[in-house]
Amino acid sequence: MNHTSIDFTSFTQAILKNLQEKLGSDYKVFSHCVKKNNGIELTGIIAKHVRRTTSPTIYINNYYKKDITESEVQKISDDLLREFQTAEFGKDLDLSNFVFFEKAKERLAFKLIHAGKNKELLKTIPYKRFHDLAIVFYYTVNEEPFHGKATILVNNGHMERWGTKVEELMEVSFKNTPLLYPDMITNMADVMKEILSEGIRQDIEDARLGDNRELFDESWIDDLIDQMSANTGKEKIPMYVLTNRKKLYGAACMLYPEVLKNFSERLGQDFYVLPSSVHEVILVPVNSEADQESLRGIVTDINRTQVAEEEILADSVYFYSRNLNKILWLS
């Protein structure tokens, strides 16, 4: 392994062997393939304690490279061991509320994914088409240790066991989602300021941990952030970011009742809707200096350079018409 490159299968087997040796006989360590959004397949490692019915999954695809060495595999195994020890559930996850529809429906929500990129997935789950997208449904896991930070995608088997139909899932989820995940619209300049603020403060905090902590004075940090965000905010195209307050599957907010209508009244005009990821969309007033082709270029560039492949929503451009109170697909 030191002198020749190994393929991903051999890498996975080495990780499994190392973790099994480190964790001992109280654990069963195994891998499984998980199909994610847009047809992405990831390899997850599970270290299941013999006295637990549930355990976390850690994906290893991003750890692999073709010229990986034995020492690097050992280090990765050590890192994964620490991750498992940190993430291990203190007790079994109680999903009894998910079993019965009358309880499960209180936490059912919807999200948007691309229909064309998820043809195989859509064969196994209930959905409704929306232009080139698909409205799909998920259950928010509110039990420990997730507290709303994990979800279960509703599949055809769940729907059949619940004795429900797609129409009922639509009705319930469209009622729930705006309550579980309230929308918010933010000026892009403010979003950039927040990103810059987090980055600058982290860099300064890292420097403080070194030998130069006496060089930094809090008083100039806010001024620097304001100056930098002012420069980045001078874009010719005014933009607004629509997402939800948890920033999870926030592109679905474009389908919330009255959200786009209220925003158009605030602007006094129609606007374009750019699907920047499954978690958010960008709203661009129609009287800006942008045209359809330049906006499509923006979406494509974002998807190719800024968004993980499994989080891409679409390369399309949509248009909200005030007169029709409707989202149109411009392709």
C-alpha atoms as a PDB file:
ATOM      1  CA  MET A   1       0.000   0.000   0.000  1.00  0.00           C
ATOM      2  CA  ASN A   2       2.962   2.311   0.537  1.00  0.00           C
ATOM      3  CA  HIS A   3       4.214   2.014  -3.034  1.00  0.00           C
ATOM      4  CA  THR A   4       1.123   1.495  -5.157  1.00  0.00           C
ATOM      5  CA  SER A   5      -2.121   3.387  -5.368  1.00  0.00           C
ATOM      6  CA  ILE A   6      -5.248   1.642  -4.117  1.00  0.00           C
ATOM      7  CA  ASP A   7      -8.755   1.847  -5.464  1.00  0.00           C
ATOM      8  CA  PHE A   8     -11.708   3.115  -3.439  1.00  0.00           C
ATOM      9  CA  THR A   9     -12.957  -0.400  -2.623  1.00  0.00           C
ATOM     10  CA  SER A  10      -9.591  -1.355  -1.081  1.00  0.00           C
ATOM     11  CA  PHE A  11      -9.513   1.961   0.760  1.00  0.00           C
ATOM     12  CA  THR A  12     -12.955   1.245   2.225  1.00  0.00           C
ATOM     13  CA  GLN A  13     -11.937  -2.245   3.312  1.00  0.00           C
ATOM     14  CA  ALA A  14      -8.802  -0.892   4.997  1.00  0.00           C
ATOM     15  CA  ILE A  15     -10.870   1.688   6.908  1.00  0.00           C
ATOM     16  CA  LEU A  16     -13.325  -0.995   8.016  1.00  0.00           C
ATOM     17  CA  LYS A  17     -10.517  -3.280   9.197  1.00  0.00           C
ATOM     18  CA  ASN A  18      -8.756  -0.511  11.118  1.00  0.00           C
ATOM     19  CA  LEU A  19     -11.923   0.708  12.807  1.00  0.00           C
ATOM     20  CA  GLN A  20     -13.018  -2.797  13.739  1.00  0.00           C
ATOM     21  CA  GLU A  21      -9.654  -3.422  15.388  1.00  0.00           C
ATOM     22  CA  LYS A  22      -9.799  -0.116  17.279  1.00  0.00           C
ATOM     23  CA  LEU A  23     -13.414  -0.484  18.448  1.00  0.00           C
ATOM     24  CA  GLY A  24     -13.278  -4.167  19.373  1.00  0.00           C
ATOM     25  CA  SER A  25     -15.912  -6.872  19.599  1.00  0.00           C
ATOM     26  CA  ASP A  26     -18.602  -4.628  21.119  1.00  0.00           C
ATOM     27  CA  TYR A  27     -19.030  -3.040  17.691  1.00  0.00           C
ATOM     28  CA  LYS A  28     -19.903  -4.249  14.226  1.00  0.00           C
ATOM     29  CA  VAL A  29     -18.302  -2.010  11.592  1.00  0.00           C
ATOM     30  CA  PHE A  30     -19.662  -2.125   8.046  1.00  0.00           C
ATOM     31  CA  SER A  31     -20.198   0.059   4.985  1.00  0.00           C
ATOM     32  CA  HIS A  32     -23.223   0.764   2.851  1.00  0.00           C
ATOM     33  CA  CYS A  33     -23.994   2.785  -0.266  1.00  0.00           C
ATOM     34  CA  VAL A  34     -26.361   5.719   0.178  1.00  0.00           C
ATOM     35  CA  LYS A  35     -28.086   7.355  -2.791  1.00  0.00           C
ATOM     36  CA  LYS A  36     -28.244  11.113  -2.327  1.00  0.00           C
ATOM     37  CA  ASN A  37     -29.857  13.925  -4.274  1.00  0.00           C
ATOM     38  CA  ASN A  38     -29.031  14.258  -8.009  1.00  0.00           C
ATOM     39  CA  GLY A  39     -27.995  10.618  -8.289  1.00  0.00           C
ATOM     40  CA  ILE A  40     -24.926  11.035  -6.087  1.00  0.00           C
ATOM     41  CA  GLU A  41     -23.861   7.806  -4.368  1.00  0.00           C
ATOM     42  CA  LEU A  42     -21.837   8.006  -1.161  1.00  0.00           C
ATOM     43  CA  THR A  43     -20.194   5.277   0.894  1.00  0.00           C
ATOM     44  CA  GLY A  44     -21.103   5.470   4.549  1.00  0.00           C
ATOM     45  CA  ILE A  45     -19.377   3.727   7.433  1.00  0.00           C
ATOM     46  CA  ILE A  46     -21.466   2.536  10.382  1.00  0.00           C
ATOM     47  CA  ALA A  47     -20.003   1.472  13.709  1.00  0.00           C
ATOM     48  CA  LYS A  48     -22.924  -0.202  15.465  1.00  0.00           C
ATOM     49  CA  HIS A  49     -22.706  -1.046  19.144  1.00  0.00           C
ATOM     50  CA  VAL A  50     -24.117  -4.493  19.906  1.00  0.00           C
ATOM     51  CA  ARG A  51     -26.444  -3.025  22.537  1.00  0.00           C
ATOM     52  CA  ARG A  52     -27.744  -0.193  20.321  1.00  0.00           C
ATOM     53  CA  THR A  53     -30.365  -0.379  17.578  1.00  0.00           C
ATOM     54  CA  THR A  54     -29.308   2.911  15.950  1.00  0.00           C
ATOM     55  CA  SER A  55     -25.929   4.437  15.195  1.00  0.00           C
ATOM     56  CA  PRO A  56     -24.504   7.348  13.171  1.00  0.00           C
ATOM     57  CA  THR A  57     -23.217   7.107   9.599  1.00  0.00           C
ATOM     58  CA  ILE A  58     -20.025   8.859   8.470  1.00  0.00           C
ATOM     59  CA  TYR A  59     -19.322   9.248   4.733  1.00  0.00           C
ATOM     60  CA  ILE A  60     -15.762   8.625   3.573  1.00  0.00           C
ATOM     61  CA  ASN A  61     -15.740   9.634  -0.105  1.00  0.00           C
ATOM     62  CA  ASN A  62     -14.046  12.975   0.504  1.00  0.00           C
ATOM     63  CA  TYR A  63     -11.219  11.286   2.428  1.00  0.00           C
ATOM     64  CA  TYR A  64     -10.093   9.242  -0.556  1.00  0.00           C
ATOM     65  CA  LYS A  65      -7.477  10.136  -3.167  1.00  0.00           C
ATOM     66  CA  LYS A  66      -5.757   7.922  -5.725  1.00  0.00           C
ATOM     67  CA  ASP A  67      -2.234   8.280  -4.341  1.00  0.00           C
ATOM     68  CA  ILE A  68      -3.232   7.723  -0.719  1.00  0.00           C
ATOM     69  CA  THR A  69      -0.605   6.086   1.527  1.00  0.00           C
ATOM     70  CA  GLU A  70      -0.901   3.561   4.320  1.00  0.00           C
ATOM     71  CA  SER A  71       0.011   6.167   6.930  1.00  0.00           C
ATOM     72  CA  GLU A  72      -2.727   8.467   5.587  1.00  0.00           C
ATOM     73  CA  VAL A  73      -5.267   5.628   5.819  1.00  0.00           C
ATOM     74  CA  GLN A  74      -4.218   5.063   9.431  1.00  0.00           C
ATOM     75  CA  LYS A  75      -4.651   8.765  10.213  1.00  0.00           C
ATOM     76  CA  ILE A  76      -8.065   8.815   8.558  1.00  0.00           C
ATOM     77  CA  SER A  77      -9.070   5.799  10.621  1.00  0.00           C
ATOM     78  CA  ASP A  78      -8.024   7.639  13.789  1.00  0.00           C
ATOM     79  CA  ASP A  79      -9.996  10.708  12.720  1.00  0.00           C
ATOM     80  CA  LEU A  80     -13.071   8.600  11.994  1.00  0.00           C
ATOM     81  CA  LEU A  81     -12.758   6.874  15.356  1.00  0.00           C
ATOM     82  CA  ARG A  82     -12.888  10.246  17.109  1.00  0.00           C
ATOM     83  CA  GLU A  83     -15.859  11.266  14.973  1.00  0.00           C
ATOM     84  CA  PHE A  84     -17.753   8.116  15.899  1.00  0.00           C
ATOM     85  CA  GLN A  85     -16.980   8.548  19.581  1.00  0.00           C
ATOM     86  CA  THR A  86     -18.260  12.131  19.419  1.00  0.00           C
ATOM     87  CA  ALA A  87     -21.355  11.331  17.363  1.00  0.00           C
ATOM     88  CA  GLU A  88     -22.359   8.090  19.073  1.00  0.00           C
ATOM     89  CA  PHE A  89     -25.903   8.171  20.408  1.00  0.00           C
ATOM     90  CA  GLY A  90     -26.250   8.106  24.177  1.00  0.00           C
ATOM     91  CA  LYS A  91     -29.426   6.090  23.783  1.00  0.00           C
ATOM     92  CA  ASP A  92     -31.435   4.513  20.977  1.00  0.00           C
ATOM     93  CA  LEU A  93     -33.263   6.922  18.723  1.00  0.00           C
ATOM     94  CA  ASP A  94     -37.013   6.836  19.319  1.00  0.00           C
ATOM     95  CA  LEU A  95     -38.821   7.039  15.987  1.00  0.00           C
ATOM     96  CA  SER A  96     -42.177   5.738  17.217  1.00  0.00           C
ATOM     97  CA  ASN A  97     -43.875   8.982  16.141  1.00  0.00           C
ATOM     98  CA  PHE A  98     -42.830   8.252  12.552  1.00  0.00           C
ATOM     99  CA  VAL A  99     -44.682   4.938  12.489  1.00  0.00           C
ATOM    100  CA  PHE A 100     -48.211   6.309  12.705  1.00  0.00           C
ATOM    101  CA  PHE A 101     -49.414   8.914  10.220  1.00  0.00           C
ATOM    102  CA  GLU A 102     -51.518  10.853  12.718  1.00  0.00           C
ATOM    103  CA  LYS A 103     -48.338  11.600  14.675  1.00  0.00           C
ATOM    104  CA  ALA A 104     -45.886  11.707  11.782  1.00  0.00           C
ATOM    105  CA  LYS A 105     -47.899  14.242   9.802  1.00  0.00           C
ATOM    106  CA  GLU A 106     -47.215  16.949  12.388  1.00  0.00           C
ATOM    107  CA  ARG A 107     -43.585  17.015  11.223  1.00  0.00           C
ATOM    108  CA  LEU A 108     -44.009  16.394   7.514  1.00  0.00           C
ATOM    109  CA  ALA A 109     -42.558  19.066   5.242  1.00  0.00           C
ATOM    110  CA  PHE A 110     -41.714  19.428   1.549  1.00  0.00           C
ATOM    111  CA  LYS A 111     -38.591  20.353  -0.401  1.00  0.00           C
ATOM    112  CA  LEU A 112     -37.615  20.802  -4.030  1.00  0.00           C
ATOM    113  CA  ILE A 113     -35.239  18.640  -6.056  1.00  0.00           C
ATOM    114  CA  HIS A 114     -34.472  18.433  -9.777  1.00  0.00           C
ATOM    115  CA  ALA A 115     -36.748  15.951 -11.533  1.00  0.00           C
ATOM    116  CA  GLY A 116     -34.409  15.029 -14.386  1.00  0.00           C
ATOM    117  CA  LYS A 117     -31.391  14.390 -12.190  1.00  0.00           C
ATOM    118  CA  ASN A 118     -33.425  12.200  -9.826  1.00  0.00           C
ATOM    119  CA  LYS A 119     -35.363   9.937 -12.207  1.00  0.00           C
ATOM    120  CA  GLU A 120     -34.399   6.754 -10.370  1.00  0.00           C
ATOM    121  CA  LEU A 121     -35.108   8.231  -6.947  1.00  0.00           C
ATOM    122  CA  LEU A 122     -38.543   9.459  -8.034  1.00  0.00           C
ATOM    123  CA  LYS A 123     -39.515   5.871  -8.868  1.00  0.00           C
ATOM    124  CA  THR A 124     -39.306   5.083  -5.146  1.00  0.00           C
ATOM    125  CA  ILE A 125     -40.817   8.169  -3.508  1.00  0.00           C
ATOM    126  CA  PRO A 126     -44.092  10.138  -3.714  1.00  0.00           C
ATOM    127  CA  TYR A 127     -43.774  13.492  -5.507  1.00  0.00           C
ATOM    128  CA  LYS A 128     -45.503  16.201  -7.526  1.00  0.00           C
ATOM    129  CA  ARG A 129     -43.905  17.899 -10.539  1.00  0.00           C
ATOM    130  CA  PHE A 130     -43.302  21.632 -10.568  1.00  0.00           C
ATOM    131  CA  HIS A 131     -41.846  22.678 -13.924  1.00  0.00           C
ATOM    132  CA  ASP A 132     -38.467  20.870 -14.150  1.00  0.00           C
ATOM    133  CA  LEU A 133     -38.462  20.272 -10.396  1.00  0.00           C
ATOM    134  CA  ALA A 134     -40.153  17.771  -8.089  1.00  0.00           C
ATOM    135  CA  ILE A 135     -41.870  18.476  -4.779  1.00  0.00           C
ATOM    136  CA  VAL A 136     -40.911  15.686  -2.368  1.00  0.00           C
ATOM    137  CA  PHE A 137     -41.664  15.101   1.293  1.00  0.00           C
ATOM    138  CA  TYR A 138     -39.651  14.521   4.442  1.00  0.00           C
ATOM    139  CA  TYR A 139     -40.085  13.997   8.160  1.00  0.00           C
ATOM    140  CA  THR A 140     -38.179  16.229  10.575  1.00  0.00           C
ATOM    141  CA  VAL A 141     -36.520  14.188  13.345  1.00  0.00           C
ATOM    142  CA  ASN A 142     -36.999  16.186  16.533  1.00  0.00           C
ATOM    143  CA  GLU A 143     -35.853  13.513  18.982  1.00  0.00           C
ATOM    144  CA  GLU A 144     -32.476  13.499  20.746  1.00  0.00           C
ATOM    145  CA  PRO A 145     -29.760  14.029  19.653  1.00  0.00           C
ATOM    146  CA  PHE A 146     -31.006  15.701  16.448  1.00  0.00           C
ATOM    147  CA  HIS A 147     -33.614  18.206  17.628  1.00  0.00           C
ATOM    148  CA  GLY A 148     -34.775  19.102  14.125  1.00  0.00           C
ATOM    149  CA  LYS A 149     -31.378  18.805  12.434  1.00  0.00           C
ATOM    150  CA  ALA A 150     -32.052  15.456  10.712  1.00  0.00           C
ATOM    151  CA  THR A 151     -34.703  14.366   8.231  1.00  0.00           C
ATOM    152  CA  ILE A 152     -36.180  11.185   6.756  1.00  0.00           C
ATOM    153  CA  LEU A 153     -37.197  11.246   3.094  1.00  0.00           C
ATOM    154  CA  VAL A 154     -40.705   9.804   2.705  1.00  0.00           C
ATOM    155  CA  ASN A 155     -40.733   6.855   0.304  1.00  0.00           C
ATOM    156  CA  ASN A 156     -43.498   4.822  -1.303  1.00  0.00           C
ATOM    157  CA  GLY A 157     -43.303   2.190   1.447  1.00  0.00           C
ATOM    158  CA  HIS A 158     -43.918   4.799   4.154  1.00  0.00           C
ATOM    159  CA  MET A 159     -46.888   6.200   2.239  1.00  0.00           C
ATOM    160  CA  GLU A 160     -48.423   2.749   1.788  1.00  0.00           C
ATOM    161  CA  ARG A 161     -47.988   1.821   5.465  1.00  0.00           C
ATOM    162  CA  TRP A 162     -49.577   5.113   6.472  1.00  0.00           C
ATOM    163  CA  GLY A 163     -52.481   4.466   4.110  1.00  0.00           C
ATOM    164  CA  THR A 164     -52.208   7.934   2.604  1.00  0.00           C
ATOM    165  CA  LYS A 165     -51.891   9.484  -0.852  1.00  0.00           C
ATOM    166  CA  VAL A 166     -49.677  12.115  -2.490  1.00  0.00           C
ATOM    167  CA  GLU A 167     -52.519  14.637  -2.356  1.00  0.00           C
ATOM    168  CA  GLU A 168     -52.746  14.343   1.426  1.00  0.00           C
ATOM    169  CA  LEU A 169     -48.968  14.627   1.777  1.00  0.00           C
ATOM    170  CA  MET A 170     -49.157  17.823  -0.293  1.00  0.00           C
ATOM    171  CA  GLU A 171     -51.919  19.274   1.844  1.00  0.00           C
ATOM    172  CA  VAL A 172     -50.249  18.452   5.162  1.00  0.00           C
ATOM    173  CA  SER A 173     -46.728  19.475   4.153  1.00  0.00           C
ATOM    174  CA  PHE A 174     -47.813  22.766   2.566  1.00  0.00           C
ATOM    175  CA  LYS A 175     -49.529  23.637   5.833  1.00  0.00           C
ATOM    176  CA  ASN A 176     -46.591  22.536   8.022  1.00  0.00           C
ATOM    177  CA  THR A 177     -43.499  23.709   6.183  1.00  0.00           C
ATOM    178  CA  PRO A 178     -43.971  27.488   6.554  1.00  0.00           C
ATOM    179  CA  LEU A 179     -44.547  26.926  10.288  1.00  0.00           C
ATOM    180  CA  LEU A 180     -41.629  24.531  10.818  1.00  0.00           C
ATOM    181  CA  TYR A 181     -39.279  26.488   8.531  1.00  0.00           C
ATOM    182  CA  PRO A 182     -40.351  30.172   8.390  1.00  0.00           C
ATOM    183  CA  ASP A 183     -39.100  32.078   5.349  1.00  0.00           C
ATOM    184  CA  MET A 184     -36.763  35.059   5.303  1.00  0.00           C
ATOM    185  CA  ILE A 185     -35.569  37.363   2.534  1.00  0.00           C
ATOM    186  CA  THR A 186     -32.213  39.086   2.900  1.00  0.00           C
ATOM    187  CA  ASN A 187     -30.430  41.609   0.707  1.00  0.00           C
ATOM    188  CA  MET A 188     -27.403  39.971  -0.924  1.00  0.00           C
ATOM    189  CA  ALA A 189     -25.167  42.766   0.401  1.00  0.00           C
ATOM    190  CA  ASP A 190     -26.186  41.835   3.956  1.00  0.00           C
ATOM    191  CA  VAL A 191     -25.507  38.163   3.222  1.00  0.00           C
ATOM    192  CA  MET A 192     -22.019  39.056   1.953  1.00  0.00           C
ATOM    193  CA  LYS A 193     -21.411  41.159   5.057  1.00  0.00           C
ATOM    194  CA  GLU A 194     -22.320  38.202   7.262  1.00  0.00           C
ATOM    195  CA  ILE A 195     -19.991  35.884   5.322  1.00  0.00           C
ATOM    196  CA  LEU A 196     -17.139  38.397   5.489  1.00  0.00           C
ATOM    197  CA  SER A 197     -17.766  38.984   9.168  1.00  0.00           C
ATOM    198  CA  GLU A 198     -17.541  35.287   9.987  1.00  0.00           C
ATOM    199  CA  GLY A 199     -14.385  34.849   7.900  1.00  0.00           C
ATOM    200  CA  ILE A 200     -12.558  37.913   9.249  1.00  0.00           C
ATOM    201  CA  ARG A 201     -13.404  37.182  12.861  1.00  0.00           C
ATOM    202  CA  GLN A 202     -12.279  33.567  12.478  1.00  0.00           C
ATOM    203  CA  ASP A 203      -8.963  34.664  10.931  1.00  0.00           C
ATOM    204  CA  ILE A 204      -8.416  37.116  13.761  1.00  0.00           C
ATOM    205  CA  GLU A 205      -9.313  34.527  16.373  1.00  0.00           C
ATOM    206  CA  ASP A 206      -6.823  32.108  14.815  1.00  0.00           C
ATOM    207  CA  ALA A 207      -4.139  34.818  14.913  1.00  0.00           C
ATOM    208  CA  ARG A 208      -4.902  35.523  18.552  1.00  0.00           C
ATOM    209  CA  LEU A 209      -4.073  31.935  19.355  1.00  0.00           C
ATOM    210  CA  GLY A 210      -0.567  32.545  17.994  1.00  0.00           C
ATOM    211  CA  ASP A 211       2.149  34.982  18.964  1.00  0.00           C
ATOM    212  CA  ASN A 212       0.450  38.143  17.701  1.00  0.00           C
ATOM    213  CA  ARG A 213      -2.561  38.438  19.997  1.00  0.00           C
ATOM    214  CA  GLU A 214      -1.452  41.842  21.274  1.00  0.00           C
ATOM    215  CA  LEU A 215      -1.564  43.322  17.760  1.00  0.00           C
ATOM    216  CA  PHE A 216      -5.356  43.127  17.409  1.00  0.00           C
ATOM    217  CA  ASP A 217      -7.813  45.736  18.567  1.00  0.00           C
ATOM    218  CA  GLU A 218     -11.555  44.976  18.436  1.00  0.00           C
ATOM    219  CA  SER A 219     -12.438  48.564  17.539  1.00  0.00           C
ATOM    220  CA  TRP A 220     -11.368  48.372  13.881  1.00  0.00           C
ATOM    221  CA  ILE A 221     -12.931  45.002  13.023  1.00  0.00           C
ATOM    222  CA  ASP A 222     -16.442  46.313  12.405  1.00  0.00           C
ATOM    223  CA  ASP A 223     -15.105  49.211  10.298  1.00  0.00           C
ATOM    224  CA  LEU A 224     -13.112  46.784   8.146  1.00  0.00           C
ATOM    225  CA  ILE A 225     -16.135  44.535   7.631  1.00  0.00           C
ATOM    226  CA  ASP A 226     -18.296  47.523   6.674  1.00  0.00           C
ATOM    227  CA  GLN A 227     -15.732  48.724   4.124  1.00  0.00           C
ATOM    228  CA  MET A 228     -15.271  45.322   2.528  1.00  0.00           C
ATOM    229  CA  SER A 229     -18.994  44.540   2.398  1.00  0.00           C
ATOM    230  CA  ALA A 230     -19.675  47.990   0.925  1.00  0.00           C
ATOM    231  CA  ASN A 231     -17.259  47.222  -1.907  1.00  0.00           C
ATOM    232  CA  THR A 232     -18.747  43.783  -2.580  1.00  0.00           C
ATOM    233  CA  GLY A 233     -22.249  45.223  -2.357  1.00  0.00           C
ATOM    234  CA  LYS A 234     -21.774  47.572  -5.314  1.00  0.00           C
ATOM    235  CA  GLU A 235     -23.069  45.021  -7.797  1.00  0.00           C
ATOM    236  CA  LYS A 236     -25.025  46.413 -10.738  1.00  0.00           C
ATOM    237  CA  ILE A 237     -27.652  43.694 -10.294  1.00  0.00           C
ATOM    238  CA  PRO A 238     -29.666  44.001  -7.058  1.00  0.00           C
ATOM    239  CA  MET A 239     -30.200  40.575  -5.539  1.00  0.00           C
ATOM    240  CA  TYR A 240     -32.095  39.129  -2.588  1.00  0.00           C
ATOM    241  CA  VAL A 241     -31.720  35.710  -0.979  1.00  0.00           C
ATOM    242  CA  LEU A 242     -34.848  33.737  -0.100  1.00  0.00           C
ATOM    243  CA  THR A 243     -34.415  30.822   2.296  1.00  0.00           C
ATOM    244  CA  ASN A 244     -35.782  29.684   5.651  1.00  0.00           C
ATOM    245  CA  ARG A 245     -34.472  30.540   9.087  1.00  0.00           C
ATOM    246  CA  LYS A 246     -32.808  27.150   9.461  1.00  0.00           C
ATOM    247  CA  LYS A 247     -31.292  27.440   5.959  1.00  0.00           C
ATOM    248  CA  LEU A 248     -32.335  23.860   5.292  1.00  0.00           C
ATOM    249  CA  TYR A 249     -34.045  23.095   1.957  1.00  0.00           C
ATOM    250  CA  GLY A 250     -34.953  26.786   1.810  1.00  0.00           C
ATOM    251  CA  ALA A 251     -35.591  26.803  -1.956  1.00  0.00           C
ATOM    252  CA  ALA A 252     -39.017  25.430  -1.033  1.00  0.00           C
ATOM    253  CA  CYS A 253     -39.904  28.901   0.286  1.00  0.00           C
ATOM    254  CA  MET A 254     -40.582  29.994  -3.298  1.00  0.00           C
ATOM    255  CA  LEU A 255     -43.774  27.897  -3.084  1.00  0.00           C
ATOM    256  CA  TYR A 256     -44.976  29.240   0.273  1.00  0.00           C
ATOM    257  CA  PRO A 257     -48.353  30.994  -0.064  1.00  0.00           C
ATOM    258  CA  GLU A 258     -48.051  34.774  -0.478  1.00  0.00           C
ATOM    259  CA  VAL A 259     -44.238  34.929  -0.064  1.00  0.00           C
ATOM    260  CA  LEU A 260     -43.426  35.887  -3.661  1.00  0.00           C
ATOM    261  CA  LYS A 261     -46.603  37.918  -3.993  1.00  0.00           C
ATOM    262  CA  ASN A 262     -45.737  40.003  -0.917  1.00  0.00           C
ATOM    263  CA  PHE A 263     -42.178  40.505  -2.131  1.00  0.00           C
ATOM    264  CA  SER A 264     -43.365  41.658  -5.552  1.00  0.00           C
ATOM    265  CA  GLU A 265     -45.652  44.193  -3.882  1.00  0.00           C
ATOM    266  CA  ARG A 266     -42.723  45.412  -1.819  1.00  0.00           C
ATOM    267  CA  LEU A 267     -40.628  45.815  -4.984  1.00  0.00           C
ATOM    268  CA  GLY A 268     -43.491  47.064  -7.121  1.00  0.00           C
ATOM    269  CA  GLN A 269     -42.411  44.835 -10.001  1.00  0.00           C
ATOM    270  CA  ASP A 270     -41.884  41.306 -11.314  1.00  0.00           C
ATOM    271  CA  PHE A 271     -38.646  39.456 -10.646  1.00  0.00           C
ATOM    272  CA  TYR A 272     -36.531  36.507 -11.684  1.00  0.00           C
ATOM    273  CA  VAL A 273     -36.010  33.509  -9.402  1.00  0.00           C
ATOM    274  CA  LEU A 274     -32.572  31.878  -9.585  1.00  0.00           C
ATOM    275  CA  PRO A 275     -32.228  28.404  -8.012  1.00  0.00           C
ATOM    276  CA  SER A 276     -28.827  28.814  -6.345  1.00  0.00           C
ATOM    277  CA  SER A 277     -29.157  25.526  -4.379  1.00  0.00           C
ATOM    278  CA  VAL A 278     -31.729  23.287  -2.722  1.00  0.00           C
ATOM    279  CA  HIS A 279     -31.310  25.527   0.334  1.00  0.00           C
ATOM    280  CA  GLU A 280     -32.001  28.950  -1.191  1.00  0.00           C
ATOM    281  CA  VAL A 281     -33.023  30.923  -4.262  1.00  0.00           C
ATOM    282  CA  ILE A 282     -31.954  34.381  -5.430  1.00  0.00           C
ATOM    283  CA  LEU A 283     -34.549  36.994  -6.390  1.00  0.00           C
ATOM    284  CA  VAL A 284     -33.589  39.597  -9.022  1.00  0.00           C
ATOM    285  CA  PRO A 285     -35.900  42.545  -9.884  1.00  0.00           C
ATOM    286  CA  VAL A 286     -36.887  42.573 -13.543  1.00  0.00           C
ATOM    287  CA  ASN A 287     -35.832  46.201 -14.107  1.00  0.00           C
ATOM    288  CA  SER A 288     -32.236  45.428 -13.155  1.00  0.00           C
ATOM    289  CA  GLU A 289     -29.476  45.413 -15.771  1.00  0.00           C
ATOM    290  CA  ALA A 290     -29.646  41.621 -15.986  1.00  0.00           C
ATOM    291  CA  ASP A 291     -31.164  39.673 -18.847  1.00  0.00           C
ATOM    292  CA  GLN A 292     -32.254  36.070 -19.016  1.00  0.00           C
ATOM    293  CA  GLU A 293     -29.017  34.780 -20.551  1.00  0.00           C
ATOM    294  CA  SER A 294     -26.731  36.563 -18.087  1.00  0.00           C
ATOM    295  CA  LEU A 295     -28.829  35.271 -15.188  1.00  0.00           C
ATOM    296  CA  ARG A 296     -28.622  31.721 -16.526  1.00  0.00           C
ATOM    297  CA  GLY A 297     -24.860  32.202 -16.650  1.00  0.00           C
ATOM    298  CA  ILE A 298     -24.887  33.256 -12.996  1.00  0.00           C
ATOM    299  CA  VAL A 299     -26.876  30.171 -11.989  1.00  0.00           C
ATOM    300  CA  THR A 300     -24.621  27.839 -13.978  1.00  0.00           C
ATOM    301  CA  ASP A 301     -21.482  29.411 -12.536  1.00  0.00           C
ATOM    302  CA  ILE A 302     -22.802  29.095  -8.975  1.00  0.00           C
ATOM    303  CA  ASN A 303     -23.714  25.451  -9.541  1.00  0.00           C
ATOM    304  CA  ARG A 304     -20.325  24.583 -11.036  1.00  0.00           C
ATOM    305  CA  THR A 305     -18.107  26.458  -8.584  1.00  0.00           C
ATOM    306  CA  GLN A 306     -19.947  27.178  -5.324  1.00  0.00           C
ATOM    307  CA  VAL A 307     -22.412  24.357  -4.671  1.00  0.00           C
ATOM    308  CA  ALA A 308     -21.825  20.707  -3.789  1.00  0.00           C
ATOM    309  CA  GLU A 309     -23.160  18.464  -6.554  1.00  0.00           C
ATOM    310  CA  GLU A 310     -25.804  16.901  -4.332  1.00  0.00           C
ATOM    311  CA  GLU A 311     -27.103  20.365  -3.351  1.00  0.00           C
ATOM    312  CA  ILE A 312     -27.622  21.675  -6.905  1.00  0.00           C
ATOM    313  CA  LEU A 313     -31.263  22.416  -7.644  1.00  0.00           C
ATOM    314  CA  ALA A 314     -31.319  23.418 -11.334  1.00  0.00           C
ATOM    315  CA  ASP A 315     -29.566  25.429 -14.038  1.00  0.00           C
ATOM    316  CA  SER A 316     -32.875  27.036 -14.925  1.00  0.00           C
ATOM    317  CA  VAL A 317     -34.207  30.575 -14.575  1.00  0.00           C
ATOM    318  CA  TYR A 318     -37.752  31.203 -13.338  1.00  0.00           C
ATOM    319  CA  PHE A 319     -39.883  34.323 -13.487  1.00  0.00           C
ATOM    320  CA  TYR A 320     -42.514  35.534 -11.054  1.00  0.00           C
ATOM    321  CA  SER A 321     -45.388  37.440 -12.693  1.00  0.00           C
ATOM    322  CA  ARG A 322     -47.349  39.831 -10.469  1.00  0.00           C
ATOM    323  CA  ASN A 323     -50.339  39.833 -12.788  1.00  0.00           C
ATOM    324  CA  LEU A 324     -50.563  36.045 -12.910  1.00  0.00           C
ATOM    325  CA  ASN A 325     -49.331  35.525  -9.318  1.00  0.00           C
ATOM    326  CA  LYS A 326     -47.419  32.614 -10.773  1.00  0.00           C
ATOM    327  CA  ILE A 327     -43.899  31.287 -11.240  1.00  0.00           C
ATOM    328  CA  LEU A 328     -43.047  30.732 -14.896  1.00  0.00           C
ATOM    329  CA  TRP A 329     -40.226  28.487 -16.138  1.00  0.00           C
ATOM    330  CA  LEU A 330     -37.984  30.249 -18.646  1.00  0.00           C
ATOM    331  CA  SER A 331     -35.958  27.007 -19.153  1.00  0.00           C
END
